[in-house]
Amino acid sequence: MPKRSSRKKTPKDINQLAAYIVEQTTTELKEPSKEKNPHAVALGRLGGLKGGKVRAERLTPEQRKEIATKAALARWK
């Protein structure tokens, strides 16, 4: 069974190889877009703003103590 590769194979013919090298060195790489969707950012910020407070309100005192103990142990380890 032949191996399949997503990589483009280099040509065997010297002229094709030269054209391939020129193409590889002269083409520009496309930068991925770093823009974020403003609607997704707003939704994430909404949940992030209330997340910690709501979680703390829902935890029992025993659960809060357990979390704090675990954090202290990790900090001072």
Protein backbone atom coordinates (compact mmCIF):
# COMPACT_ATOMS: atom_id res chain seq x y z
CA MET A 1 0.00 0.00 0.00
CA PRO A 2 1.49 3.38 -0.97
CA LYS A 3 2.18 5.96 1.67
CA ARG A 4 -0.01 9.02 1.48
CA SER A 5 1.34 12.36 2.45
CA SER A 6 -0.23 15.78 2.51
CA ARG A 7 3.16 17.25 1.71
CA LYS A 8 3.88 18.13 -1.90
CA LYS A 9 6.56 15.86 -3.37
CA THR A 10 9.64 17.39 -4.94
CA PRO A 11 9.86 16.79 -8.69
CA LYS A 12 12.55 14.51 -10.13
CA ASP A 13 13.14 16.52 -13.33
CA ILE A 14 15.76 19.27 -12.90
CA ASN A 15 13.65 21.93 -14.64
CA GLN A 16 10.57 21.11 -12.60
CA LEU A 17 12.71 21.09 -9.46
CA ALA A 18 14.04 24.57 -10.27
CA ALA A 19 10.52 25.88 -10.86
CA TYR A 20 9.39 24.27 -7.60
CA ILE A 21 12.21 25.91 -5.63
CA VAL A 22 11.47 29.33 -7.14
CA GLU A 23 7.78 28.92 -6.34
CA GLN A 24 8.52 27.95 -2.74
CA THR A 25 10.88 30.87 -2.15
CA THR A 26 8.77 33.58 -3.80
CA THR A 27 5.27 32.82 -2.55
CA GLU A 28 4.15 34.64 0.58
CA LEU A 29 2.59 32.80 3.48
CA LYS A 30 -0.88 33.97 4.48
CA GLU A 31 -1.14 35.18 8.06
CA PRO A 32 -4.16 33.82 9.92
CA SER A 33 -6.70 36.43 10.92
CA LYS A 34 -6.29 37.56 14.53
CA GLU A 35 -9.59 39.41 14.67
CA LYS A 36 -12.13 38.17 17.18
CA ASN A 37 -15.87 38.05 16.74
CA PRO A 38 -17.15 40.98 18.84
CA HIS A 39 -20.40 39.16 19.66
CA ALA A 40 -18.52 36.14 21.02
CA VAL A 41 -16.23 38.43 23.04
CA ALA A 42 -19.25 40.18 24.58
CA LEU A 43 -20.90 36.88 25.50
CA GLY A 44 -17.72 35.53 27.05
CA ARG A 45 -17.20 38.70 29.03
CA LEU A 46 -20.78 38.56 30.32
CA GLY A 47 -20.32 35.08 31.69
CA GLY A 48 -16.84 35.84 33.00
CA LEU A 49 -17.98 38.87 34.97
CA LYS A 50 -20.58 37.00 36.96
CA GLY A 51 -19.02 33.52 37.02
CA GLY A 52 -16.83 33.72 40.12
CA LYS A 53 -19.35 35.51 42.31
CA VAL A 54 -22.21 33.17 41.40
CA ARG A 55 -20.02 30.10 41.94
CA ALA A 56 -18.91 31.36 45.36
CA GLU A 57 -22.53 31.97 46.38
CA ARG A 58 -23.55 28.46 45.38
CA LEU A 59 -20.75 26.66 47.23
CA THR A 60 -21.32 25.42 50.75
CA PRO A 61 -18.84 26.53 53.44
CA GLU A 62 -17.35 23.01 53.46
CA GLN A 63 -16.77 23.11 49.71
CA ARG A 64 -15.14 26.55 49.94
CA LYS A 65 -12.85 25.31 52.73
CA GLU A 66 -11.85 22.25 50.68
CA ILE A 67 -11.03 24.41 47.64
CA ALA A 68 -9.05 26.87 49.76
CA THR A 69 -7.08 24.04 51.42
CA LYS A 70 -6.24 22.52 48.05
CA ALA A 71 -5.10 25.90 46.72
CA ALA A 72 -2.94 26.55 49.80
CA LEU A 73 -1.30 23.14 49.52
CA ALA A 74 -0.55 23.72 45.82
CA ARG A 75 0.84 27.18 46.56
CA TRP A 76 3.15 26.08 49.37
CA LYS A 77 4.21 22.75 47.86
